[in-house]
Amino acid sequence: MQNIRNYEAMAKLELSEEELKTVAEYVSMFEQSFSQLAEQEIPDTEPLVSVLDINNVFREDIAVKKFSREEFLENAPERRDGYFSVSG
């Protein structure tokens, strides 16, 4: 029950005693289910990170200058000394 109170505090919730009991029952069911799974022996099986057989393909991160400063500033409502000017 203390773990649930900790989660309640972290999530900034205020649960009634009845709600706490209900949540505790669900947590207990989940724990039982996961403990049953943990007891299963599955030889020669690697743990999965994803069920999909996909590898990420990353491109090299290369800085490319596509626009000039003037192109960026063309639509600026106000600019000063080559920068956007923001008045408030």
PDB file of N, CA and C in Angstrom:
ATOM      1  N   MET A   1       0.827  -1.194   0.000  1.00  0.00           N
ATOM      2  CA  MET A   1       0.000   0.000   0.000  1.00  0.00           C
ATOM      3  C   MET A   1       0.872   1.259   0.000  1.00  0.00           C
ATOM      4  N   GLN A   2       2.068   1.156   0.613  1.00  0.00           N
ATOM      5  CA  GLN A   2       2.954   2.324   0.661  1.00  0.00           C
ATOM      6  C   GLN A   2       3.422   2.717  -0.738  1.00  0.00           C
ATOM      7  N   ASN A   3       3.696   1.723  -1.589  1.00  0.00           N
ATOM      8  CA  ASN A   3       4.094   2.040  -2.966  1.00  0.00           C
ATOM      9  C   ASN A   3       3.006   2.831  -3.676  1.00  0.00           C
ATOM     10  N   ILE A   4       1.770   2.446  -3.452  1.00  0.00           N
ATOM     11  CA  ILE A   4       0.666   3.141  -4.099  1.00  0.00           C
ATOM     12  C   ILE A   4       0.578   4.569  -3.573  1.00  0.00           C
ATOM     13  N   ARG A   5       0.800   4.750  -2.289  1.00  0.00           N
ATOM     14  CA  ARG A   5       0.810   6.105  -1.719  1.00  0.00           C
ATOM     15  C   ARG A   5       1.937   6.932  -2.335  1.00  0.00           C
ATOM     16  N   ASN A   6       3.098   6.296  -2.567  1.00  0.00           N
ATOM     17  CA  ASN A   6       4.215   7.005  -3.202  1.00  0.00           C
ATOM     18  C   ASN A   6       3.842   7.432  -4.622  1.00  0.00           C
ATOM     19  N   TYR A   7       3.233   6.520  -5.374  1.00  0.00           N
ATOM     20  CA  TYR A   7       2.806   6.850  -6.738  1.00  0.00           C
ATOM     21  C   TYR A   7       1.747   7.948  -6.725  1.00  0.00           C
ATOM     22  N   GLU A   8       0.865   7.878  -5.763  1.00  0.00           N
ATOM     23  CA  GLU A   8      -0.184   8.878  -5.622  1.00  0.00           C
ATOM     24  C   GLU A   8       0.446  10.259  -5.417  1.00  0.00           C
ATOM     25  N   ALA A   9       1.459  10.323  -4.586  1.00  0.00           N
ATOM     26  CA  ALA A   9       2.129  11.595  -4.319  1.00  0.00           C
ATOM     27  C   ALA A   9       2.875  12.091  -5.561  1.00  0.00           C
ATOM     28  N   MET A  10       3.556  11.179  -6.255  1.00  0.00           N
ATOM     29  CA  MET A  10       4.307  11.574  -7.450  1.00  0.00           C
ATOM     30  C   MET A  10       3.375  12.112  -8.534  1.00  0.00           C
ATOM     31  N   ALA A  11       2.205  11.491  -8.661  1.00  0.00           N
ATOM     32  CA  ALA A  11       1.249  11.907  -9.686  1.00  0.00           C
ATOM     33  C   ALA A  11       0.369  13.062  -9.207  1.00  0.00           C
ATOM     34  N   LYS A  12       0.609  13.504  -7.969  1.00  0.00           N
ATOM     35  CA  LYS A  12      -0.162  14.603  -7.380  1.00  0.00           C
ATOM     36  C   LYS A  12      -1.665  14.302  -7.405  1.00  0.00           C
ATOM     37  N   LEU A  13      -1.975  13.074  -6.981  1.00  0.00           N
ATOM     38  CA  LEU A  13      -3.369  12.641  -6.890  1.00  0.00           C
ATOM     39  C   LEU A  13      -3.799  12.604  -5.431  1.00  0.00           C
ATOM     40  N   GLU A  14      -5.075  12.627  -5.227  1.00  0.00           N
ATOM     41  CA  GLU A  14      -5.635  12.433  -3.901  1.00  0.00           C
ATOM     42  C   GLU A  14      -6.719  11.369  -4.027  1.00  0.00           C
ATOM     43  N   LEU A  15      -6.363  10.143  -3.687  1.00  0.00           N
ATOM     44  CA  LEU A  15      -7.306   9.039  -3.817  1.00  0.00           C
ATOM     45  C   LEU A  15      -7.989   8.776  -2.487  1.00  0.00           C
ATOM     46  N   SER A  16      -9.243   8.405  -2.570  1.00  0.00           N
ATOM     47  CA  SER A  16      -9.980   8.025  -1.363  1.00  0.00           C
ATOM     48  C   SER A  16      -9.511   6.642  -0.932  1.00  0.00           C
ATOM     49  N   GLU A  17      -9.865   6.244   0.274  1.00  0.00           N
ATOM     50  CA  GLU A  17      -9.484   4.916   0.763  1.00  0.00           C
ATOM     51  C   GLU A  17     -10.038   3.822  -0.148  1.00  0.00           C
ATOM     52  N   GLU A  18     -11.260   4.016  -0.627  1.00  0.00           N
ATOM     53  CA  GLU A  18     -11.872   3.036  -1.533  1.00  0.00           C
ATOM     54  C   GLU A  18     -11.084   2.931  -2.840  1.00  0.00           C
ATOM     55  N   GLU A  19     -10.691   4.096  -3.380  1.00  0.00           N
ATOM     56  CA  GLU A  19      -9.902   4.111  -4.621  1.00  0.00           C
ATOM     57  C   GLU A  19      -8.537   3.455  -4.398  1.00  0.00           C
ATOM     58  N   LEU A  20      -7.937   3.715  -3.244  1.00  0.00           N
ATOM     59  CA  LEU A  20      -6.648   3.091  -2.930  1.00  0.00           C
ATOM     60  C   LEU A  20      -6.768   1.574  -2.884  1.00  0.00           C
ATOM     61  N   LYS A  21      -7.852   1.074  -2.284  1.00  0.00           N
ATOM     62  CA  LYS A  21      -8.062  -0.374  -2.217  1.00  0.00           C
ATOM     63  C   LYS A  21      -8.233  -0.965  -3.615  1.00  0.00           C
ATOM     64  N   THR A  22      -8.986  -0.267  -4.469  1.00  0.00           N
ATOM     65  CA  THR A  22      -9.206  -0.738  -5.841  1.00  0.00           C
ATOM     66  C   THR A  22      -7.887  -0.780  -6.602  1.00  0.00           C
ATOM     67  N   VAL A  23      -7.110   0.285  -6.485  1.00  0.00           N
ATOM     68  CA  VAL A  23      -5.814   0.336  -7.173  1.00  0.00           C
ATOM     69  C   VAL A  23      -4.901  -0.767  -6.633  1.00  0.00           C
ATOM     70  N   ALA A  24      -4.918  -0.985  -5.328  1.00  0.00           N
ATOM     71  CA  ALA A  24      -4.090  -2.031  -4.729  1.00  0.00           C
ATOM     72  C   ALA A  24      -4.464  -3.406  -5.276  1.00  0.00           C
ATOM     73  N   GLU A  25      -5.737  -3.646  -5.493  1.00  0.00           N
ATOM     74  CA  GLU A  25      -6.178  -4.927  -6.063  1.00  0.00           C
ATOM     75  C   GLU A  25      -5.636  -5.106  -7.479  1.00  0.00           C
ATOM     76  N   TYR A  26      -5.720  -4.039  -8.279  1.00  0.00           N
ATOM     77  CA  TYR A  26      -5.196  -4.118  -9.649  1.00  0.00           C
ATOM     78  C   TYR A  26      -3.686  -4.332  -9.652  1.00  0.00           C
ATOM     79  N   VAL A  27      -2.988  -3.617  -8.797  1.00  0.00           N
ATOM     80  CA  VAL A  27      -1.530  -3.758  -8.719  1.00  0.00           C
ATOM     81  C   VAL A  27      -1.176  -5.185  -8.330  1.00  0.00           C
ATOM     82  N   SER A  28      -1.913  -5.727  -7.401  1.00  0.00           N
ATOM     83  CA  SER A  28      -1.677  -7.104  -6.972  1.00  0.00           C
ATOM     84  C   SER A  28      -1.880  -8.081  -8.138  1.00  0.00           C
ATOM     85  N   MET A  29      -2.951  -7.864  -8.926  1.00  0.00           N
ATOM     86  CA  MET A  29      -3.199  -8.726 -10.097  1.00  0.00           C
ATOM     87  C   MET A  29      -2.046  -8.628 -11.095  1.00  0.00           C
ATOM     88  N   PHE A  30      -1.570  -7.409 -11.343  1.00  0.00           N
ATOM     89  CA  PHE A  30      -0.454  -7.228 -12.275  1.00  0.00           C
ATOM     90  C   PHE A  30       0.797  -7.930 -11.759  1.00  0.00           C
ATOM     91  N   GLU A  31       1.080  -7.760 -10.478  1.00  0.00           N
ATOM     92  CA  GLU A  31       2.269  -8.394  -9.902  1.00  0.00           C
ATOM     93  C   GLU A  31       2.199  -9.910 -10.023  1.00  0.00           C
ATOM     94  N   GLN A  32       1.031 -10.471  -9.782  1.00  0.00           N
ATOM     95  CA  GLN A  32       0.864 -11.922  -9.913  1.00  0.00           C
ATOM     96  C   GLN A  32       1.089 -12.368 -11.355  1.00  0.00           C
ATOM     97  N   SER A  33       0.535 -11.613 -12.291  1.00  0.00           N
ATOM     98  CA  SER A  33       0.701 -11.957 -13.704  1.00  0.00           C
ATOM     99  C   SER A  33       2.169 -11.916 -14.108  1.00  0.00           C
ATOM    100  N   PHE A  34       2.868 -10.859 -13.691  1.00  0.00           N
ATOM    101  CA  PHE A  34       4.274 -10.736 -14.074  1.00  0.00           C
ATOM    102  C   PHE A  34       5.140 -11.773 -13.372  1.00  0.00           C
ATOM    103  N   SER A  35       4.798 -12.137 -12.146  1.00  0.00           N
ATOM    104  CA  SER A  35       5.590 -13.161 -11.456  1.00  0.00           C
ATOM    105  C   SER A  35       5.416 -14.516 -12.144  1.00  0.00           C
ATOM    106  N   GLN A  36       4.210 -14.781 -12.645  1.00  0.00           N
ATOM    107  CA  GLN A  36       3.985 -16.019 -13.389  1.00  0.00           C
ATOM    108  C   GLN A  36       4.811 -16.020 -14.678  1.00  0.00           C
ATOM    109  N   LEU A  37       4.869 -14.882 -15.342  1.00  0.00           N
ATOM    110  CA  LEU A  37       5.687 -14.790 -16.557  1.00  0.00           C
ATOM    111  C   LEU A  37       7.169 -14.972 -16.242  1.00  0.00           C
ATOM    112  N   ALA A  38       7.609 -14.390 -15.141  1.00  0.00           N
ATOM    113  CA  ALA A  38       9.027 -14.476 -14.776  1.00  0.00           C
ATOM    114  C   ALA A  38       9.433 -15.906 -14.451  1.00  0.00           C
ATOM    115  N   GLU A  39       8.501 -16.721 -14.002  1.00  0.00           N
ATOM    116  CA  GLU A  39       8.797 -18.108 -13.658  1.00  0.00           C
ATOM    117  C   GLU A  39       8.967 -18.998 -14.883  1.00  0.00           C
ATOM    118  N   GLN A  40       8.480 -18.570 -16.015  1.00  0.00           N
ATOM    119  CA  GLN A  40       8.556 -19.381 -17.225  1.00  0.00           C
ATOM    120  C   GLN A  40       9.992 -19.451 -17.739  1.00  0.00           C
ATOM    121  N   GLU A  41      10.415 -20.646 -18.070  1.00  0.00           N
ATOM    122  CA  GLU A  41      11.750 -20.819 -18.628  1.00  0.00           C
ATOM    123  C   GLU A  41      11.634 -20.980 -20.133  1.00  0.00           C
ATOM    124  N   ILE A  42      12.338 -20.136 -20.840  1.00  0.00           N
ATOM    125  CA  ILE A  42      12.308 -20.176 -22.297  1.00  0.00           C
ATOM    126  C   ILE A  42      13.753 -20.257 -22.769  1.00  0.00           C
ATOM    127  N   PRO A  43      14.239 -21.466 -22.992  1.00  0.00           N
ATOM    128  CA  PRO A  43      15.652 -21.609 -23.365  1.00  0.00           C
ATOM    129  C   PRO A  43      15.940 -21.070 -24.775  1.00  0.00           C
ATOM    130  N   ASP A  44      17.162 -20.627 -24.959  1.00  0.00           N
ATOM    131  CA  ASP A  44      17.662 -20.166 -26.263  1.00  0.00           C
ATOM    132  C   ASP A  44      16.830 -19.028 -26.853  1.00  0.00           C
ATOM    133  N   THR A  45      16.323 -18.153 -26.019  1.00  0.00           N
ATOM    134  CA  THR A  45      15.544 -17.017 -26.503  1.00  0.00           C
ATOM    135  C   THR A  45      16.165 -15.732 -25.981  1.00  0.00           C
ATOM    136  N   GLU A  46      16.489 -14.856 -26.920  1.00  0.00           N
ATOM    137  CA  GLU A  46      17.058 -13.564 -26.550  1.00  0.00           C
ATOM    138  C   GLU A  46      15.938 -12.609 -26.149  1.00  0.00           C
ATOM    139  N   PRO A  47      16.169 -11.789 -25.133  1.00  0.00           N
ATOM    140  CA  PRO A  47      15.150 -10.787 -24.783  1.00  0.00           C
ATOM    141  C   PRO A  47      14.954  -9.806 -25.934  1.00  0.00           C
ATOM    142  N   LEU A  48      13.721  -9.376 -26.125  1.00  0.00           N
ATOM    143  CA  LEU A  48      13.407  -8.441 -27.203  1.00  0.00           C
ATOM    144  C   LEU A  48      13.336  -7.008 -26.692  1.00  0.00           C
ATOM    145  N   VAL A  49      13.822  -6.104 -27.502  1.00  0.00           N
ATOM    146  CA  VAL A  49      13.629  -4.691 -27.240  1.00  0.00           C
ATOM    147  C   VAL A  49      12.378  -4.250 -27.981  1.00  0.00           C
ATOM    148  N   SER A  50      12.148  -4.848 -29.124  1.00  0.00           N
ATOM    149  CA  SER A  50      10.983  -4.544 -29.932  1.00  0.00           C
ATOM    150  C   SER A  50      10.516  -5.825 -30.607  1.00  0.00           C
ATOM    151  N   VAL A  51       9.236  -5.923 -30.864  1.00  0.00           N
ATOM    152  CA  VAL A  51       8.724  -7.096 -31.561  1.00  0.00           C
ATOM    153  C   VAL A  51       8.950  -6.982 -33.060  1.00  0.00           C
ATOM    154  N   LEU A  52       9.288  -5.787 -33.517  1.00  0.00           N
ATOM    155  CA  LEU A  52       9.543  -5.576 -34.940  1.00  0.00           C
ATOM    156  C   LEU A  52      11.002  -5.842 -35.263  1.00  0.00           C
ATOM    157  N   ASP A  53      11.247  -6.467 -36.389  1.00  0.00           N
ATOM    158  CA  ASP A  53      12.616  -6.770 -36.806  1.00  0.00           C
ATOM    159  C   ASP A  53      13.126  -5.634 -37.692  1.00  0.00           C
ATOM    160  N   ILE A  54      13.274  -4.454 -37.088  1.00  0.00           N
ATOM    161  CA  ILE A  54      13.697  -3.275 -37.831  1.00  0.00           C
ATOM    162  C   ILE A  54      14.881  -2.641 -37.116  1.00  0.00           C
ATOM    163  N   ASN A  55      15.864  -2.249 -37.881  1.00  0.00           N
ATOM    164  CA  ASN A  55      16.991  -1.504 -37.331  1.00  0.00           C
ATOM    165  C   ASN A  55      16.880  -0.065 -37.788  1.00  0.00           C
ATOM    166  N   ASN A  56      17.137   0.851 -36.876  1.00  0.00           N
ATOM    167  CA  ASN A  56      17.125   2.258 -37.258  1.00  0.00           C
ATOM    168  C   ASN A  56      18.313   2.553 -38.166  1.00  0.00           C
ATOM    169  N   VAL A  57      18.058   3.348 -39.159  1.00  0.00           N
ATOM    170  CA  VAL A  57      19.118   3.770 -40.060  1.00  0.00           C
ATOM    171  C   VAL A  57      19.272   5.267 -39.869  1.00  0.00           C
ATOM    172  N   PHE A  58      20.424   5.641 -39.348  1.00  0.00           N
ATOM    173  CA  PHE A  58      20.671   7.046 -39.079  1.00  0.00           C
ATOM    174  C   PHE A  58      21.604   7.606 -40.130  1.00  0.00           C
ATOM    175  N   ARG A  59      21.307   8.813 -40.559  1.00  0.00           N
ATOM    176  CA  ARG A  59      22.207   9.473 -41.491  1.00  0.00           C
ATOM    177  C   ARG A  59      23.231  10.242 -40.682  1.00  0.00           C
ATOM    178  N   GLU A  60      24.322  10.564 -41.315  1.00  0.00           N
ATOM    179  CA  GLU A  60      25.330  11.357 -40.650  1.00  0.00           C
ATOM    180  C   GLU A  60      24.780  12.773 -40.449  1.00  0.00           C
ATOM    181  N   ASP A  61      25.011  13.325 -39.291  1.00  0.00           N
ATOM    182  CA  ASP A  61      24.503  14.657 -38.969  1.00  0.00           C
ATOM    183  C   ASP A  61      25.478  15.698 -39.516  1.00  0.00           C
ATOM    184  N   ILE A  62      25.116  16.274 -40.641  1.00  0.00           N
ATOM    185  CA  ILE A  62      25.971  17.251 -41.308  1.00  0.00           C
ATOM    186  C   ILE A  62      25.217  18.580 -41.361  1.00  0.00           C
ATOM    187  N   ALA A  63      25.859  19.630 -40.867  1.00  0.00           N
ATOM    188  CA  ALA A  63      25.243  20.956 -40.925  1.00  0.00           C
ATOM    189  C   ALA A  63      25.300  21.468 -42.354  1.00  0.00           C
ATOM    190  N   VAL A  64      24.151  21.873 -42.859  1.00  0.00           N
ATOM    191  CA  VAL A  64      24.062  22.383 -44.224  1.00  0.00           C
ATOM    192  C   VAL A  64      23.358  23.733 -44.166  1.00  0.00           C
ATOM    193  N   LYS A  65      23.989  24.728 -44.728  1.00  0.00           N
ATOM    194  CA  LYS A  65      23.391  26.058 -44.737  1.00  0.00           C
ATOM    195  C   LYS A  65      22.505  26.166 -45.970  1.00  0.00           C
ATOM    196  N   LYS A  66      21.192  26.250 -45.737  1.00  0.00           N
ATOM    197  CA  LYS A  66      20.258  26.277 -46.852  1.00  0.00           C
ATOM    198  C   LYS A  66      19.697  27.670 -47.109  1.00  0.00           C
ATOM    199  N   PHE A  67      19.664  28.511 -46.088  1.00  0.00           N
ATOM    200  CA  PHE A  67      19.091  29.837 -46.235  1.00  0.00           C
ATOM    201  C   PHE A  67      20.072  30.873 -45.702  1.00  0.00           C
ATOM    202  N   SER A  68      20.068  32.003 -46.340  1.00  0.00           N
ATOM    203  CA  SER A  68      20.902  33.098 -45.855  1.00  0.00           C
ATOM    204  C   SER A  68      20.144  33.857 -44.769  1.00  0.00           C
ATOM    205  N   ARG A  69      20.870  34.678 -44.038  1.00  0.00           N
ATOM    206  CA  ARG A  69      20.249  35.491 -43.001  1.00  0.00           C
ATOM    207  C   ARG A  69      19.164  36.382 -43.596  1.00  0.00           C
ATOM    208  N   GLU A  70      19.451  36.958 -44.763  1.00  0.00           N
ATOM    209  CA  GLU A  70      18.466  37.843 -45.409  1.00  0.00           C
ATOM    210  C   GLU A  70      17.200  37.087 -45.776  1.00  0.00           C
ATOM    211  N   GLU A  71      17.340  35.837 -46.233  1.00  0.00           N
ATOM    212  CA  GLU A  71      16.160  35.043 -46.574  1.00  0.00           C
ATOM    213  C   GLU A  71      15.300  34.792 -45.337  1.00  0.00           C
ATOM    214  N   PHE A  72      15.946  34.543 -44.201  1.00  0.00           N
ATOM    215  CA  PHE A  72      15.195  34.351 -42.967  1.00  0.00           C
ATOM    216  C   PHE A  72      14.485  35.633 -42.550  1.00  0.00           C
ATOM    217  N   LEU A  73      15.136  36.756 -42.740  1.00  0.00           N
ATOM    218  CA  LEU A  73      14.594  38.024 -42.266  1.00  0.00           C
ATOM    219  C   LEU A  73      13.610  38.677 -43.228  1.00  0.00           C
ATOM    220  N   GLU A  74      13.447  38.129 -44.437  1.00  0.00           N
ATOM    221  CA  GLU A  74      12.579  38.747 -45.439  1.00  0.00           C
ATOM    222  C   GLU A  74      11.160  39.003 -44.920  1.00  0.00           C
ATOM    223  N   ASN A  75      10.600  38.078 -44.190  1.00  0.00           N
ATOM    224  CA  ASN A  75       9.212  38.200 -43.731  1.00  0.00           C
ATOM    225  C   ASN A  75       9.091  38.703 -42.297  1.00  0.00           C
ATOM    226  N   ALA A  76      10.198  39.115 -41.713  1.00  0.00           N
ATOM    227  CA  ALA A  76      10.152  39.602 -40.332  1.00  0.00           C
ATOM    228  C   ALA A  76       9.424  40.939 -40.285  1.00  0.00           C
ATOM    229  N   PRO A  77       8.482  41.095 -39.374  1.00  0.00           N
ATOM    230  CA  PRO A  77       7.780  42.369 -39.282  1.00  0.00           C
ATOM    231  C   PRO A  77       8.729  43.504 -38.867  1.00  0.00           C
ATOM    232  N   GLU A  78       9.691  43.179 -38.028  1.00  0.00           N
ATOM    233  CA  GLU A  78      10.692  44.168 -37.618  1.00  0.00           C
ATOM    234  C   GLU A  78      12.048  43.486 -37.538  1.00  0.00           C
ATOM    235  N   ARG A  79      13.084  44.223 -37.926  1.00  0.00           N
ATOM    236  CA  ARG A  79      14.435  43.701 -37.774  1.00  0.00           C
ATOM    237  C   ARG A  79      15.371  44.846 -37.451  1.00  0.00           C
ATOM    238  N   ARG A  80      16.467  44.481 -36.812  1.00  0.00           N
ATOM    239  CA  ARG A  80      17.446  45.500 -36.451  1.00  0.00           C
ATOM    240  C   ARG A  80      18.826  44.863 -36.450  1.00  0.00           C
ATOM    241  N   ASP A  81      19.775  45.461 -37.138  1.00  0.00           N
ATOM    242  CA  ASP A  81      21.162  45.002 -37.195  1.00  0.00           C
ATOM    243  C   ASP A  81      21.285  43.543 -37.613  1.00  0.00           C
ATOM    244  N   GLY A  82      20.445  43.099 -38.530  1.00  0.00           N
ATOM    245  CA  GLY A  82      20.530  41.724 -39.041  1.00  0.00           C
ATOM    246  C   GLY A  82      19.877  40.683 -38.162  1.00  0.00           C
ATOM    247  N   TYR A  83      19.046  41.111 -37.202  1.00  0.00           N
ATOM    248  CA  TYR A  83      18.367  40.174 -36.294  1.00  0.00           C
ATOM    249  C   TYR A  83      16.878  40.509 -36.276  1.00  0.00           C
ATOM    250  N   PHE A  84      16.073  39.513 -35.835  1.00  0.00           N
ATOM    251  CA  PHE A  84      14.665  39.781 -35.592  1.00  0.00           C
ATOM    252  C   PHE A  84      14.566  40.785 -34.457  1.00  0.00           C
ATOM    253  N   SER A  85      13.666  41.710 -34.566  1.00  0.00           N
ATOM    254  CA  SER A  85      13.436  42.662 -33.483  1.00  0.00           C
ATOM    255  C   SER A  85      12.090  42.378 -32.876  1.00  0.00           C
ATOM    256  N   VAL A  86      12.107  42.148 -31.564  1.00  0.00           N
ATOM    257  CA  VAL A  86      10.883  41.822 -30.855  1.00  0.00           C
ATOM    258  C   VAL A  86      10.659  42.916 -29.822  1.00  0.00           C
ATOM    259  N   SER A  87       9.591  43.642 -29.986  1.00  0.00           N
ATOM    260  CA  SER A  87       9.294  44.687 -29.003  1.00  0.00           C
ATOM    261  C   SER A  87       8.094  44.278 -28.191  1.00  0.00           C
ATOM    262  N   GLY A  88       8.118  44.578 -26.965  1.00  0.00           N
ATOM    263  CA  GLY A  88       7.027  44.127 -26.131  1.00  0.00           C
ATOM    264  C   GLY A  88       6.583  45.172 -25.274  1.00  0.00           C
TER     265      GLY A  88
END
